[in-house]
Each structure stands twice: as C-alpha cells, then as structure tokens.
Amino acid sequence: MKKNRERFCNKEREFVYTFKIGNESFELRVPLTFPVQENASHLHGRLMLLHNLPCFIENDLKESLSQFIEEEALRDYDADAEAALEAVKSGEVDLHQLASTWAKVYTETTLEHARPEEPSWDEDFADVYHDLIHSPASETLLNLEHNYFVSISELIGERDVELKKLRERQGLEMEKVMQELGKSLTDQDVNSLAAQHFESQQDLENKWSNELKQSTAIQKQEYQEWVIKLHQDLKNPNNSSLSEEIKVQPSLFRESVDAIGRIYEEQRKLEESFTIHLGAQLKTMHNLRLLRADMLDFCKYKRNLRSGVKLHRLQTALSLYSTSLCGLVLLVDNRINSYSGIKRDFATVCQECTDFHFPRIEEQLEVVQQVALYARTQRSSKVKDQDSGNQNGANDEKTAERNYLNILPGEFYITRHSNLSEIHVAFHLCADDSVKSGSITARDPAIMGLRNILKVCCTHDITTISIPLLLVHDMSEEMTIPWCLRRAELVFKCVKGFMMEMASWDGGISRTVQFLVPQSISEEMFYQLSNMLPQIFRVSSTLTLTSKH
C-alpha cells in the first residue's frame, strides 16, 4: 500500500486556463506538482503578477485554479483509497490490524470517545489536606506530623552521637601518631591515617544519609495514604471505624538544651512593628517589622514549655494551600547546592522534619541545576549569534559564564517547603562579596534581585516576606555604624519604591515585610535603624491652603 501511495505523490499536472481580451483568445498553462504545498490564494497572486494578467479575470482565475487543485486532489485520494482496498483484498495488509489501528486513532482524537483526564495525585492530595487542616481533624493531623518529627529527631540524634564518637576516637588516634612523628612514623604515615579517617567519616555520613532518606520516604508515603483514608472516613458518617485521635508522643531528647537555647534567644531578640500607607491616590496599608534575629529562626520548629516539644505550626499549615503564603530571602553564593555556609544550615533544618507535600531539598536543587544549565546554554548560544562580529564581547561573556551550573549575582532560585515553622517559600538570592563594600547603589544586582523577588511575591500570592536589611547574614569588622546606616537607608528606600510599584503589579494588596538584622548587632544600632524606618516610609499629609479676600 505504501508503494501505491508513493505512486500518486509528486506527480506533475498542467493547469490550463483560457480567456479573451476583445476578439483575441489567450491560454495560460501552468505545471503544478501534486500534492500542491502552496496556498491556492498565494499561487493565484503570483500568477497574476508574473504574467501581468488583466484584473478583470482575477476572480475567475482564482476560482478555476482552486477548483482544479481540489478536483485533482480528490482524484488522487480516490485512487489512493482504491489502492488501499486492493491491498486489503489481496491480503497485503492485515484487516484486523488495520481496524484496531484506526479505532485507536479515532478514539484518541475524538473528544466524545476520549478518556477523561485523570486528576493528578499531588492535586488530589493537596485538596484533601486543605479540607482536613480546616476541619476538627486538624489537631490529629498535626499530632501525627509531630510524631513523625520526633522519630526523625531521634534518628538525627543517634547519627550525631555516632559521628561525635568517631571523631573523638580519630582525634585520639591522630594525637598518638603525631607523638611518634619523626621517630617511628613519617609524614606519609600521618597523611595515610588522615585519609583513612576522612574515608571512615564519609562512609558513616553516607550510611546515615541513606537511612534518613529511606525513613522520610516511608513516612511520606504512610502519611499521604493515612490522610486520604481519614478524609474518606470523615466523608462517610456511617463509618464507625474512624481512627482514634493520635496522641502526641513525648520526647525528652535534648529538651533541656532546647529550653536553655530558647530562653537565650528570647533575650537576644528585638522587634519593632509599624503600619504604613503607601500609594499615590488609592493607598494600601502594609505592615513593616524590624527584627534582630537569625533568618533560620523562621525555619526551625518552635517548642513550647507547657506542652513539651509539640509543634506549633497550625497557622503555617492552614495557609499552605492559600493566597497568603510566607517567604524569606537567603543570600547564597553562585553555586546551586547545599554544601556550605547558610545553604548547608538551611538544608540541615529542612532535613529535621519530613516534607509531606514537596520533594526533598536535594531533589529540588537538582531540578534547579537542570533549569539553570538549560537557561545558561540558551543564553550563551544567543549571545554568540548576536555578537559573532564582536570577538571581545563574546570572550567576556564566555569568561563570565565559564561554569554553566553557576548563577550570576542578582539571580535567584526558589524552593518550596511545608516542613518549616513559619515559611512556605525560600528565595535563594545570589550575592557576591561586593555587597560587603559601602559603595553599592540602587542598581546593584542584589538590589535588583530584591525587586524581582517582590514581583514574584505579587504574582504568586506571597504576602509575607522576610528580607536581610543589610544584605548580609553576619557582621564583620568593616561593617561600622556609618556603613550600617548607609546600607539600611539604601535598602529601606529601594524597598519602599518597589512596594509602591506593587500597586501596579497586583492592584494593591496589603503585605507584611520583615527586615532582619544579624543578632550580633548592638541594641543601640538596632534602635537607630528603628528610628530611621518610619522617617523613610512616612506618608506625606495633605496641606490645605486658604486665602483671605
């Protein structure tokens, strides 16, 4: 049948059109290859222009040409169909296979026969969880999450104890070796022992990492299945097998240490709150807060003395699938990983409790790396095409992006979380060492990154955002009082301008912006910044002028 079909393809036929001009007759002959790939209207226009044909035959020529193409195409279709039938009759094509193939294509392309689209498991689970967390079953739900948290905490505690014992044993071994250095042992012996110690630590860390990964995967599957079952039980009023309320499992592990640390943190924490109105004509109310706190305090679980170590995350859970999400900004280096600095500390907090709704932090970062690699490759190829004549520009771009897995200052990536105490979204903003200098301006990449982050907040229902006011997480010697005042003034003014832009982005929605300063900053400096904030965000009052006649 394929050979018969090819016989009717790429066949040339001649279109003949006759017309009169006065008493003279003319004939137009045009060879056409079938099937005709060109639009009939375009072909007609080309014929009129190429042969300088009179305008009064335009419509008739167009109608004749279209009719000729249609008739010849139908003739080919008929011949193709006859050849296909002959192939079936002769046994060249299996009739049953042809019928099943045709039926499959028909059902897939016809809407009334198509199968309904199956709902996504993630969407289904999100809807079920949202219903349960806003029902009387919410306490049972949080108790179950807490029990899972206790289990993971104890596992992490066992890991830390085992790693500590290993390091202590290795330290004693190294001390003994160093005492014999130069006597019975050489530098090579010391290096060999250090390599063995490093390998042993890596093996132990990998062992616990795999165990934690497996435990969280099991917890996530059990939790999601239990939530679905509980929702089905609640929908059936006649079901008497409803699970009993889950009780909180107490854990005394590190409770005293946590209590001491909590009291210490409460003493160090400072906070000031303000309510402002921004906007040219229609003003919008916003809440501003200045806090002296660690950014990760909004990620760690809070513990309560009266109820032991029960998690207090109801508000975060209630707003998980809502239009009032909470986010924070983490200043990170240009590498997309969780191996160093605040990225490692953040990943450690994320691992302390199973995320039942979103992928693990490591899985999310792998996806971000793939997206960053694709985006950087596309951008690089586009720059090479545009700057092919400018060799220096191409070299500069190549030098800046020599590692396609790195991001540039001002760029950021986003991770989603349901297992953190007060936030749902983390913005990882790339900032280099230039933010420590005192000469950055409003056009600095870190400042422009904040603007883009606030724009994402507007388009994705994030109504509370925490920002490092000084664009650093830790203080250093060069950050003097004048440096802090200049940096805070710059960030305050830029964020105020961005918030006024928000009215055009989202129509004017009330938001909460939290400015965080490092805990090592002095109280005097904190209150200077607190006095600066209302001065910069003040709203001008209306001045009424009167004249006397």
Protein backbone atom coordinates (compact mmCIF):
# COMPACT_ATOMS: atom_id res chain seq x y z
CA MET A 1 0.00 0.00 0.00
CA LYS A 2 2.93 2.30 0.69
CA LYS A 3 4.24 1.78 -2.83
CA ASN A 4 0.82 2.58 -4.29
CA ARG A 5 0.63 5.75 -2.21
CA GLU A 6 4.07 6.87 -3.35
CA ARG A 7 2.96 6.38 -6.95
CA PHE A 8 0.46 9.24 -6.59
CA CYS A 9 2.85 11.59 -4.83
CA ASN A 10 4.99 14.27 -6.55
CA LYS A 11 3.06 13.92 -9.81
CA GLU A 12 3.09 16.89 -12.21
CA ARG A 13 -0.10 18.05 -13.97
CA GLU A 14 -0.81 21.03 -16.14
CA PHE A 15 -3.39 23.66 -15.30
CA VAL A 16 -4.91 25.24 -18.43
CA TYR A 17 -6.90 28.47 -18.33
CA THR A 18 -8.31 30.29 -21.37
CA PHE A 19 -9.65 33.84 -21.53
CA LYS A 20 -10.46 36.53 -24.10
CA ILE A 21 -9.34 40.09 -24.44
CA GLY A 22 -11.52 41.68 -27.08
CA ASN A 23 -11.57 39.37 -30.09
CA GLU A 24 -8.33 37.62 -29.19
CA SER A 25 -8.15 34.39 -27.15
CA PHE A 26 -5.29 33.62 -24.77
CA GLU A 27 -4.29 30.46 -22.97
CA LEU A 28 -2.38 30.16 -19.66
CA ARG A 29 -0.58 26.88 -18.96
CA VAL A 30 0.94 26.27 -15.52
CA PRO A 31 2.63 22.97 -14.44
CA LEU A 32 1.65 22.00 -10.87
CA THR A 33 3.19 19.28 -8.72
CA PHE A 34 0.70 17.30 -6.64
CA PRO A 35 0.09 17.31 -3.80
CA VAL A 36 0.20 21.14 -4.03
CA GLN A 37 2.06 22.50 -0.99
CA GLU A 38 1.44 26.19 -1.67
CA ASN A 39 -1.74 28.03 -0.70
CA ALA A 40 -4.04 28.49 -3.73
CA SER A 41 -4.54 32.19 -3.00
CA HIS A 42 -0.78 32.81 -2.86
CA LEU A 43 -0.26 30.87 -6.08
CA HIS A 44 -3.01 32.85 -7.78
CA GLY A 45 -1.43 36.16 -6.77
CA ARG A 46 1.96 35.09 -8.10
CA LEU A 47 0.43 34.09 -11.46
CA MET A 48 -1.32 37.45 -11.79
CA LEU A 49 1.89 39.34 -11.06
CA LEU A 50 4.27 37.10 -13.03
CA HIS A 51 2.24 37.03 -16.26
CA ASN A 52 0.89 40.59 -15.96
CA LEU A 53 -2.70 39.33 -16.32
CA PRO A 54 -5.61 41.77 -16.61
CA CYS A 55 -7.53 42.48 -13.43
CA PHE A 56 -10.96 41.52 -14.82
CA ILE A 57 -10.01 37.83 -14.94
CA GLU A 58 -8.68 37.79 -11.36
CA ASN A 59 -11.73 36.29 -9.64
CA ASP A 60 -12.45 33.79 -12.43
CA LEU A 61 -8.81 32.65 -12.50
CA LYS A 62 -8.80 32.19 -8.71
CA GLU A 63 -12.00 30.13 -8.82
CA SER A 64 -10.75 27.96 -11.71
CA LEU A 65 -7.37 27.37 -10.08
CA SER A 66 -8.94 26.38 -6.73
CA GLN A 67 -11.43 24.04 -8.48
CA PHE A 68 -8.64 22.40 -10.50
CA ILE A 69 -6.49 21.76 -7.40
CA GLU A 70 -9.47 20.38 -5.45
CA GLU A 71 -10.61 18.04 -8.25
CA GLU A 72 -7.12 16.69 -8.88
CA ALA A 73 -6.50 16.18 -5.17
CA LEU A 74 -9.80 14.29 -4.80
CA ARG A 75 -8.87 12.14 -7.77
CA ASP A 76 -5.58 11.24 -6.08
CA TYR A 77 -7.37 10.48 -2.81
CA ASP A 78 -9.81 8.19 -4.61
CA ALA A 79 -7.01 6.39 -6.41
CA ASP A 80 -5.12 6.04 -3.12
CA ALA A 81 -8.23 4.63 -1.43
CA GLU A 82 -8.80 2.13 -4.29
CA ALA A 83 -5.20 1.01 -3.98
CA ALA A 84 -5.58 0.58 -0.22
CA LEU A 85 -8.72 -1.52 -0.69
CA GLU A 86 -6.95 -3.67 -3.25
CA ALA A 87 -4.11 -4.17 -0.76
CA VAL A 88 -6.60 -5.35 1.86
CA LYS A 89 -8.40 -7.66 -0.58
CA SER A 90 -5.15 -9.22 -1.77
CA GLY A 91 -4.02 -9.86 1.79
CA GLU A 92 -1.05 -7.49 1.58
CA VAL A 93 -2.42 -5.64 4.66
CA ASP A 94 -3.86 -7.38 7.74
CA LEU A 95 -7.51 -6.30 8.03
CA HIS A 96 -7.73 -6.78 11.81
CA GLN A 97 -4.54 -4.84 12.47
CA LEU A 98 -5.76 -2.02 10.24
CA ALA A 99 -9.12 -1.88 12.04
CA SER A 100 -7.55 -1.80 15.51
CA THR A 101 -5.09 0.92 14.48
CA TRP A 102 -7.90 3.03 13.01
CA ALA A 103 -10.10 2.56 16.08
CA LYS A 104 -7.25 3.59 18.40
CA VAL A 105 -6.51 6.75 16.43
CA TYR A 106 -10.20 7.63 16.26
CA THR A 107 -10.79 7.30 19.99
CA GLU A 108 -7.64 9.31 20.80
CA THR A 109 -8.56 12.20 18.51
CA THR A 110 -12.33 12.35 19.05
CA LEU A 111 -13.35 14.22 22.21
CA GLU A 112 -16.55 12.29 22.92
CA HIS A 113 -14.65 8.98 22.89
CA ALA A 114 -11.58 10.24 24.76
CA ARG A 115 -11.00 9.05 28.31
CA PRO A 116 -11.43 11.72 30.98
CA GLU A 117 -8.20 13.22 32.22
CA GLU A 118 -7.21 11.58 35.48
CA PRO A 119 -6.58 14.01 38.34
CA SER A 120 -3.00 14.44 39.49
CA TRP A 121 -2.11 12.69 42.74
CA ASP A 122 -0.43 15.86 44.03
CA GLU A 123 -3.50 17.98 43.29
CA ASP A 124 -5.81 15.39 44.83
CA PHE A 125 -3.71 15.14 47.98
CA ALA A 126 -3.48 18.95 48.23
CA ASP A 127 -7.27 19.30 48.12
CA VAL A 128 -7.75 16.56 50.71
CA TYR A 129 -5.14 18.06 53.05
CA HIS A 130 -6.65 21.53 52.71
CA ASP A 131 -10.07 20.16 53.72
CA LEU A 132 -8.69 18.27 56.71
CA ILE A 133 -6.49 21.05 58.09
CA HIS A 134 -9.56 23.33 58.13
CA SER A 135 -11.66 20.71 59.94
CA PRO A 136 -11.76 19.37 63.51
CA ALA A 137 -9.28 16.71 62.35
CA SER A 138 -6.50 19.33 62.18
CA GLU A 139 -5.20 18.55 65.67
CA THR A 140 -4.99 14.85 64.85
CA LEU A 141 -3.15 15.75 61.66
CA LEU A 142 -0.59 17.91 63.46
CA ASN A 143 -0.13 15.28 66.17
CA LEU A 144 0.75 12.72 63.51
CA GLU A 145 3.22 15.12 61.92
CA HIS A 146 4.76 15.72 65.34
CA ASN A 147 5.19 12.01 66.00
CA TYR A 148 6.99 11.66 62.68
CA PHE A 149 9.14 14.65 63.64
CA VAL A 150 10.08 13.01 66.95
CA SER A 151 11.10 9.86 65.09
CA ILE A 152 13.36 11.77 62.69
CA SER A 153 14.80 13.88 65.54
CA GLU A 154 15.80 10.78 67.46
CA LEU A 155 17.36 9.31 64.33
CA ILE A 156 19.35 12.51 63.78
CA GLY A 157 20.38 12.43 67.44
CA GLU A 158 21.72 8.91 67.08
CA ARG A 159 23.61 9.98 63.96
CA ASP A 160 25.20 12.95 65.74
CA VAL A 161 26.24 10.81 68.71
CA GLU A 162 27.84 8.19 66.48
CA LEU A 163 29.66 10.80 64.41
CA LYS A 164 30.89 12.50 67.58
CA LYS A 165 32.27 9.21 68.96
CA LEU A 166 34.01 8.51 65.66
CA ARG A 167 35.66 11.96 65.61
CA GLU A 168 36.78 11.63 69.23
CA ARG A 169 38.32 8.21 68.55
CA GLN A 170 40.02 9.51 65.43
CA GLY A 171 41.32 12.51 67.36
CA LEU A 172 42.98 10.25 69.93
CA GLU A 173 44.49 8.13 67.16
CA MET A 174 45.89 11.21 65.44
CA GLU A 175 47.39 12.51 68.69
CA LYS A 176 49.24 9.23 69.19
CA VAL A 177 50.52 9.30 65.62
CA MET A 178 51.69 12.92 65.95
CA GLN A 179 53.67 11.98 69.08
CA GLU A 180 55.53 9.35 67.06
CA LEU A 181 56.09 11.67 64.10
CA GLY A 182 59.80 11.89 63.35
CA LYS A 183 60.55 8.86 65.46
CA SER A 184 58.97 5.68 64.16
CA LEU A 185 56.48 7.36 61.78
CA THR A 186 56.81 9.74 58.81
CA ASP A 187 54.63 12.42 57.21
CA GLN A 188 53.38 9.79 54.79
CA ASP A 189 52.05 7.73 57.70
CA VAL A 190 50.19 10.79 59.05
CA ASN A 191 48.69 11.56 55.65
CA SER A 192 47.64 7.93 55.21
CA LEU A 193 45.88 7.92 58.60
CA ALA A 194 44.15 11.25 57.81
CA ALA A 195 42.92 9.80 54.53
CA GLN A 196 41.57 6.73 56.36
CA HIS A 197 39.81 8.94 58.90
CA PHE A 198 38.21 11.03 56.14
CA GLU A 199 37.05 7.92 54.31
CA SER A 200 35.56 6.48 57.51
CA GLN A 201 33.66 9.71 58.18
CA GLN A 202 32.35 9.76 54.62
CA ASP A 203 31.16 6.16 54.85
CA LEU A 204 29.37 6.81 58.15
CA GLU A 205 27.75 10.02 56.87
CA ASN A 206 26.60 8.26 53.69
CA LYS A 207 25.16 5.42 55.76
CA TRP A 208 23.10 7.79 57.91
CA SER A 209 22.13 9.91 54.90
CA ASN A 210 20.68 6.87 53.14
CA GLU A 211 18.88 5.78 56.31
CA LEU A 212 17.32 9.22 56.79
CA LYS A 213 16.34 9.36 53.12
CA GLN A 214 14.67 5.96 53.35
CA SER A 215 12.89 6.84 56.62
CA THR A 216 11.49 10.10 55.27
CA ALA A 217 10.31 8.38 52.08
CA ILE A 218 8.44 5.77 54.14
CA GLN A 219 6.96 8.46 56.39
CA LYS A 220 5.78 10.49 53.41
CA GLN A 221 4.05 7.53 51.79
CA GLU A 222 2.40 6.42 55.04
CA TYR A 223 1.30 9.97 55.85
CA GLN A 224 -0.28 10.62 52.45
CA GLU A 225 -2.12 7.29 52.48
CA TRP A 226 -3.34 7.93 56.02
CA VAL A 227 -4.58 11.43 55.10
CA ILE A 228 -6.53 10.08 52.12
CA LYS A 229 -8.09 7.33 54.27
CA LEU A 230 -9.00 9.77 57.05
CA HIS A 231 -10.70 12.05 54.53
CA GLN A 232 -12.73 9.14 53.16
CA ASP A 233 -13.74 8.12 56.69
CA LEU A 234 -14.88 11.63 57.54
CA LYS A 235 -16.98 11.81 54.37
CA ASN A 236 -18.82 8.63 55.39
CA PRO A 237 -20.93 9.40 58.50
CA ASN A 238 -21.93 5.73 58.88
CA ASN A 239 -18.34 4.59 59.16
CA SER A 240 -17.72 3.58 62.74
CA SER A 241 -14.12 2.53 62.12
CA LEU A 242 -12.83 6.08 62.24
CA SER A 243 -9.29 6.13 63.55
CA GLU A 244 -8.88 7.20 67.14
CA GLU A 245 -7.25 10.53 67.75
CA ILE A 246 -3.49 10.23 67.61
CA LYS A 247 -1.79 11.26 70.82
CA VAL A 248 1.40 13.25 70.93
CA GLN A 249 4.44 11.08 71.60
CA PRO A 250 6.68 12.95 74.06
CA SER A 251 10.41 13.08 73.57
CA LEU A 252 12.83 14.24 76.23
CA PHE A 253 15.75 14.16 73.82
CA ARG A 254 17.70 17.44 74.14
CA GLU A 255 14.69 19.11 75.76
CA SER A 256 16.77 20.85 78.42
CA VAL A 257 19.25 22.11 75.81
CA ASP A 258 16.41 23.43 73.68
CA ALA A 259 14.82 25.15 76.67
CA ILE A 260 18.08 26.92 77.56
CA GLY A 261 18.69 27.92 73.97
CA ARG A 262 15.12 29.19 73.62
CA ILE A 263 15.38 31.41 76.69
CA TYR A 264 18.70 32.76 75.41
CA GLU A 265 17.25 33.53 72.00
CA GLU A 266 14.23 35.30 73.51
CA GLN A 267 16.57 37.56 75.46
CA ARG A 268 18.56 38.44 72.35
CA LYS A 269 15.58 39.01 70.08
CA LEU A 270 14.46 42.60 69.45
CA GLU A 271 11.43 43.64 67.44
CA GLU A 272 9.67 46.82 66.31
CA SER A 273 6.44 46.93 64.26
CA PHE A 274 5.00 49.69 62.08
CA THR A 275 1.87 50.21 59.99
CA ILE A 276 2.23 52.38 56.91
CA HIS A 277 0.09 53.52 53.97
CA LEU A 278 1.67 53.68 50.52
CA GLY A 279 0.24 54.74 47.17
CA ALA A 280 -0.32 57.81 45.04
CA GLN A 281 -4.12 58.02 45.07
CA LEU A 282 -5.53 54.77 46.42
CA LYS A 283 -3.36 54.00 49.42
CA THR A 284 -2.67 50.47 50.64
CA MET A 285 -1.88 49.56 54.23
CA HIS A 286 1.25 47.47 54.85
CA ASN A 287 2.87 46.06 57.97
CA LEU A 288 6.59 46.54 58.49
CA ARG A 289 8.67 44.80 61.12
CA LEU A 290 12.30 45.29 62.13
CA LEU A 291 13.79 42.30 63.95
CA ARG A 292 17.13 41.34 65.38
CA ALA A 293 17.08 37.62 64.70
CA ASP A 294 18.61 34.80 62.72
CA MET A 295 16.96 34.21 59.36
CA LEU A 296 16.77 30.48 60.07
CA ASP A 297 14.67 31.17 63.19
CA PHE A 298 11.70 31.36 60.83
CA CYS A 299 12.51 27.85 59.59
CA LYS A 300 13.17 26.00 62.83
CA TYR A 301 10.32 24.47 64.79
CA LYS A 302 9.23 26.33 67.89
CA ARG A 303 8.89 24.37 71.10
CA ASN A 304 6.57 25.20 73.99
CA LEU A 305 7.37 24.63 77.63
CA ARG A 306 3.81 23.79 78.68
CA SER A 307 3.24 21.14 76.04
CA GLY A 308 6.72 19.69 75.88
CA VAL A 309 8.00 19.53 72.31
CA LYS A 310 4.70 19.68 70.43
CA LEU A 311 4.98 21.53 67.15
CA HIS A 312 3.20 24.87 66.85
CA ARG A 313 2.73 25.22 63.16
CA LEU A 314 -1.04 25.38 62.78
CA GLN A 315 -1.03 28.81 61.13
CA THR A 316 1.61 27.74 58.62
CA ALA A 317 -0.34 24.56 57.84
CA LEU A 318 -3.62 26.47 57.43
CA SER A 319 -2.09 28.81 54.85
CA LEU A 320 -0.10 26.13 52.98
CA TYR A 321 -2.61 26.00 50.09
CA SER A 322 -3.87 29.57 50.25
CA THR A 323 -3.33 33.04 48.84
CA SER A 324 -1.37 34.17 51.92
CA LEU A 325 2.00 32.44 51.68
CA CYS A 326 5.14 33.34 53.63
CA GLY A 327 8.65 33.56 52.21
CA LEU A 328 12.16 34.63 53.10
CA VAL A 329 15.33 35.68 51.27
CA LEU A 330 18.58 33.78 51.81
CA LEU A 331 21.81 35.29 50.49
CA VAL A 332 23.85 32.49 48.89
CA ASP A 333 26.91 32.07 46.68
CA ASN A 334 26.75 31.33 42.96
CA ARG A 335 26.73 27.52 43.31
CA ILE A 336 23.43 25.67 43.40
CA ASN A 337 24.00 23.15 46.19
CA SER A 338 23.64 22.67 49.95
CA TYR A 339 27.24 22.04 50.92
CA SER A 340 28.46 25.27 52.54
CA GLY A 341 27.52 28.33 54.54
CA ILE A 342 23.90 29.21 55.19
CA LYS A 343 22.84 26.82 52.41
CA ARG A 344 24.11 23.90 54.46
CA ASP A 345 22.45 25.20 57.65
CA PHE A 346 19.17 25.70 55.79
CA ALA A 347 19.32 22.20 54.32
CA THR A 348 20.00 20.78 57.79
CA VAL A 349 16.86 22.47 59.14
CA CYS A 350 14.86 21.13 56.18
CA GLN A 351 16.04 17.61 56.95
CA GLU A 352 14.91 17.73 60.59
CA CYS A 353 11.32 17.03 59.57
CA THR A 354 9.82 15.12 56.65
CA ASP A 355 8.23 17.26 53.93
CA PHE A 356 4.92 15.52 53.16
CA HIS A 357 3.93 17.82 50.28
CA PHE A 358 7.02 18.78 48.26
CA PRO A 359 10.22 17.00 47.13
CA ARG A 360 13.25 16.94 49.41
CA ILE A 361 15.55 19.97 49.25
CA GLU A 362 18.21 17.93 47.39
CA GLU A 363 15.70 16.89 44.72
CA GLN A 364 14.51 20.47 44.25
CA LEU A 365 18.10 21.70 43.85
CA GLU A 366 18.76 19.04 41.21
CA VAL A 367 15.82 20.37 39.19
CA VAL A 368 17.09 23.94 39.65
CA GLN A 369 20.52 22.88 38.35
CA GLN A 370 18.97 21.38 35.22
CA VAL A 371 16.91 24.51 34.58
CA ALA A 372 19.92 26.77 35.20
CA LEU A 373 22.06 24.70 32.83
CA TYR A 374 19.44 24.88 30.09
CA ALA A 375 18.87 28.63 30.57
CA ARG A 376 22.61 29.40 30.61
CA THR A 377 23.19 27.31 27.48
CA GLN A 378 20.36 29.05 25.64
CA ARG A 379 21.59 32.47 26.71
CA SER A 380 25.16 31.69 25.70
CA SER A 381 24.16 30.48 22.24
CA LYS A 382 22.02 33.58 21.71
CA VAL A 383 24.87 35.88 22.74
CA LYS A 384 27.25 34.09 20.36
CA ASP A 385 24.80 34.58 17.50
CA GLN A 386 24.34 38.29 18.29
CA ASP A 387 28.00 39.06 18.97
CA SER A 388 29.57 36.90 16.28
CA GLY A 389 31.25 40.02 14.89
CA ASN A 390 32.36 41.29 18.29
CA GLN A 391 35.11 38.95 19.44
CA ASN A 392 35.82 40.81 22.70
CA GLY A 393 32.18 40.79 23.81
CA ALA A 394 31.92 37.08 23.16
CA ASN A 395 35.07 36.41 25.17
CA ASP A 396 33.80 38.48 28.11
CA GLU A 397 30.50 36.59 28.15
CA LYS A 398 32.31 33.28 27.91
CA THR A 399 34.56 34.21 30.84
CA ALA A 400 31.61 35.29 33.00
CA GLU A 401 29.73 32.09 32.32
CA ARG A 402 32.52 29.54 32.14
CA ASN A 403 30.62 27.33 34.59
CA TYR A 404 27.09 26.84 33.31
CA LEU A 405 25.90 25.45 36.65
CA ASN A 406 26.67 28.71 38.46
CA ILE A 407 24.24 31.61 38.69
CA LEU A 408 25.11 35.29 38.46
CA PRO A 409 24.79 37.95 41.20
CA GLY A 410 21.19 39.16 41.39
CA GLU A 411 19.76 35.88 40.09
CA PHE A 412 17.83 33.64 42.44
CA TYR A 413 16.16 30.25 42.62
CA ILE A 414 13.13 29.18 44.65
CA THR A 415 12.43 26.15 46.83
CA ARG A 416 9.05 25.16 48.31
CA HIS A 417 8.55 23.73 51.78
CA SER A 418 5.80 22.51 54.07
CA ASN A 419 8.01 21.30 56.91
CA LEU A 420 9.36 24.65 58.13
CA SER A 421 7.90 26.54 61.06
CA GLU A 422 6.85 29.86 59.52
CA ILE A 423 7.63 29.90 55.81
CA HIS A 424 6.47 28.16 52.65
CA VAL A 425 8.89 29.57 50.06
CA ALA A 426 12.64 30.30 50.17
CA PHE A 427 14.26 32.70 47.70
CA HIS A 428 17.97 31.87 47.32
CA LEU A 429 19.45 35.18 46.09
CA CYS A 430 22.98 35.11 44.69
CA ALA A 431 25.16 37.85 46.23
CA ASP A 432 28.95 38.14 45.89
CA ASP A 433 31.48 39.89 48.13
CA SER A 434 30.64 43.28 46.61
CA VAL A 435 27.66 43.57 48.98
CA LYS A 436 30.14 43.97 51.84
CA SER A 437 31.50 47.17 50.32
CA GLY A 438 29.98 50.50 51.19
CA SER A 439 29.67 51.74 47.62
CA ILE A 440 26.77 49.74 46.19
CA THR A 441 23.92 51.66 44.56
CA ALA A 442 20.26 51.10 43.81
CA ARG A 443 21.30 49.42 40.54
CA ASP A 444 23.39 46.77 42.29
CA PRO A 445 22.48 43.20 41.25
CA ALA A 446 21.46 42.30 44.82
CA ILE A 447 19.04 45.25 44.98
CA MET A 448 17.57 44.43 41.57
CA GLY A 449 17.26 40.83 42.72
CA LEU A 450 15.13 42.03 45.65
CA ARG A 451 12.89 43.88 43.19
CA ASN A 452 12.40 40.74 41.10
CA ILE A 453 11.70 38.71 44.24
CA LEU A 454 8.98 41.16 45.31
CA LYS A 455 7.50 40.91 41.83
CA VAL A 456 7.34 37.11 42.18
CA CYS A 457 5.65 37.62 45.56
CA CYS A 458 2.95 39.67 43.86
CA THR A 459 2.30 37.13 41.12
CA HIS A 460 2.35 34.07 43.39
CA ASP A 461 0.32 35.12 46.48
CA ILE A 462 3.26 35.56 48.88
CA THR A 463 2.00 38.22 51.28
CA THR A 464 4.73 37.98 53.95
CA ILE A 465 8.40 38.26 53.04
CA SER A 466 11.49 38.43 55.29
CA ILE A 467 14.50 40.35 53.94
CA PRO A 468 18.05 40.74 55.34
CA LEU A 469 18.15 44.52 55.79
CA LEU A 470 21.92 44.90 55.50
CA LEU A 471 22.20 42.32 52.67
CA VAL A 472 24.39 40.18 54.93
CA HIS A 473 23.61 37.43 57.43
CA ASP A 474 26.65 38.00 59.66
CA MET A 475 28.50 41.11 60.77
CA SER A 476 32.22 41.66 60.11
CA GLU A 477 34.82 44.26 61.09
CA GLU A 478 34.35 46.53 58.08
CA MET A 479 30.63 46.92 58.87
CA THR A 480 30.88 50.03 61.01
CA ILE A 481 27.99 52.14 62.31
CA PRO A 482 28.14 54.55 59.30
CA TRP A 483 28.25 51.53 56.97
CA CYS A 484 25.13 50.03 58.60
CA LEU A 485 23.24 53.33 58.45
CA ARG A 486 24.06 53.89 54.77
CA ARG A 487 23.17 50.30 53.85
CA ALA A 488 19.89 50.35 55.79
CA GLU A 489 18.89 53.68 54.23
CA LEU A 490 19.57 52.34 50.73
CA VAL A 491 17.58 49.14 51.27
CA PHE A 492 14.70 50.95 53.00
CA LYS A 493 14.35 53.46 50.15
CA CYS A 494 14.65 50.82 47.42
CA VAL A 495 12.11 48.51 49.06
CA LYS A 496 9.75 51.46 49.52
CA GLY A 497 9.96 52.18 45.80
CA PHE A 498 9.40 48.51 44.97
CA MET A 499 6.38 48.37 47.28
CA MET A 500 4.86 51.38 45.54
CA GLU A 501 5.39 49.56 42.25
CA MET A 502 3.47 46.62 43.69
CA ALA A 503 0.23 48.54 43.36
CA SER A 504 0.60 48.31 39.57
CA TRP A 505 1.65 44.67 39.81
CA ASP A 506 -1.17 43.30 41.96
CA GLY A 507 -3.71 46.11 42.27
CA GLY A 508 -2.74 46.98 45.85
CA ILE A 509 -2.72 44.11 48.36
CA SER A 510 -1.78 44.53 51.99
CA ARG A 511 1.54 42.85 52.76
CA THR A 512 3.93 42.25 55.64
CA VAL A 513 7.62 42.97 55.06
CA GLN A 514 10.05 41.91 57.76
CA PHE A 515 13.55 43.46 57.82
CA LEU A 516 16.05 41.30 59.68
CA VAL A 517 19.40 42.39 61.10
CA PRO A 518 22.05 39.97 62.46
CA GLN A 519 21.85 39.01 66.13
CA SER A 520 25.37 40.33 66.75
CA ILE A 521 24.28 43.91 66.11
CA SER A 522 24.10 46.15 69.18
CA GLU A 523 20.86 47.36 70.72
CA GLU A 524 21.93 50.96 70.12
CA MET A 525 22.39 50.26 66.42
CA PHE A 526 19.06 48.44 66.29
CA TYR A 527 17.15 51.41 67.70
CA GLN A 528 18.91 53.81 65.32
CA LEU A 529 17.63 51.69 62.45
CA SER A 530 14.22 51.56 64.09
CA ASN A 531 14.08 55.36 64.16
CA MET A 532 15.15 55.55 60.52
CA LEU A 533 12.38 53.27 59.22
CA PRO A 534 9.30 55.47 59.91
CA GLN A 535 11.16 58.53 58.60
CA ILE A 536 11.79 56.89 55.23
CA PHE A 537 8.37 55.23 54.95
CA ARG A 538 6.43 58.24 56.21
CA VAL A 539 3.33 59.35 54.28
CA SER A 540 3.05 63.00 53.44
CA SER A 541 -0.01 64.65 54.95
CA THR A 542 -2.36 66.81 52.89
CA LEU A 543 -1.68 70.53 53.16
CA THR A 544 -4.75 72.78 52.87
CA LEU A 545 -4.15 76.38 51.77
CA THR A 546 -6.67 79.12 52.48
CA SER A 547 -6.72 82.66 51.18
CA LYS A 548 -8.32 85.73 52.67
CA HIS A 549 -10.23 88.13 50.45
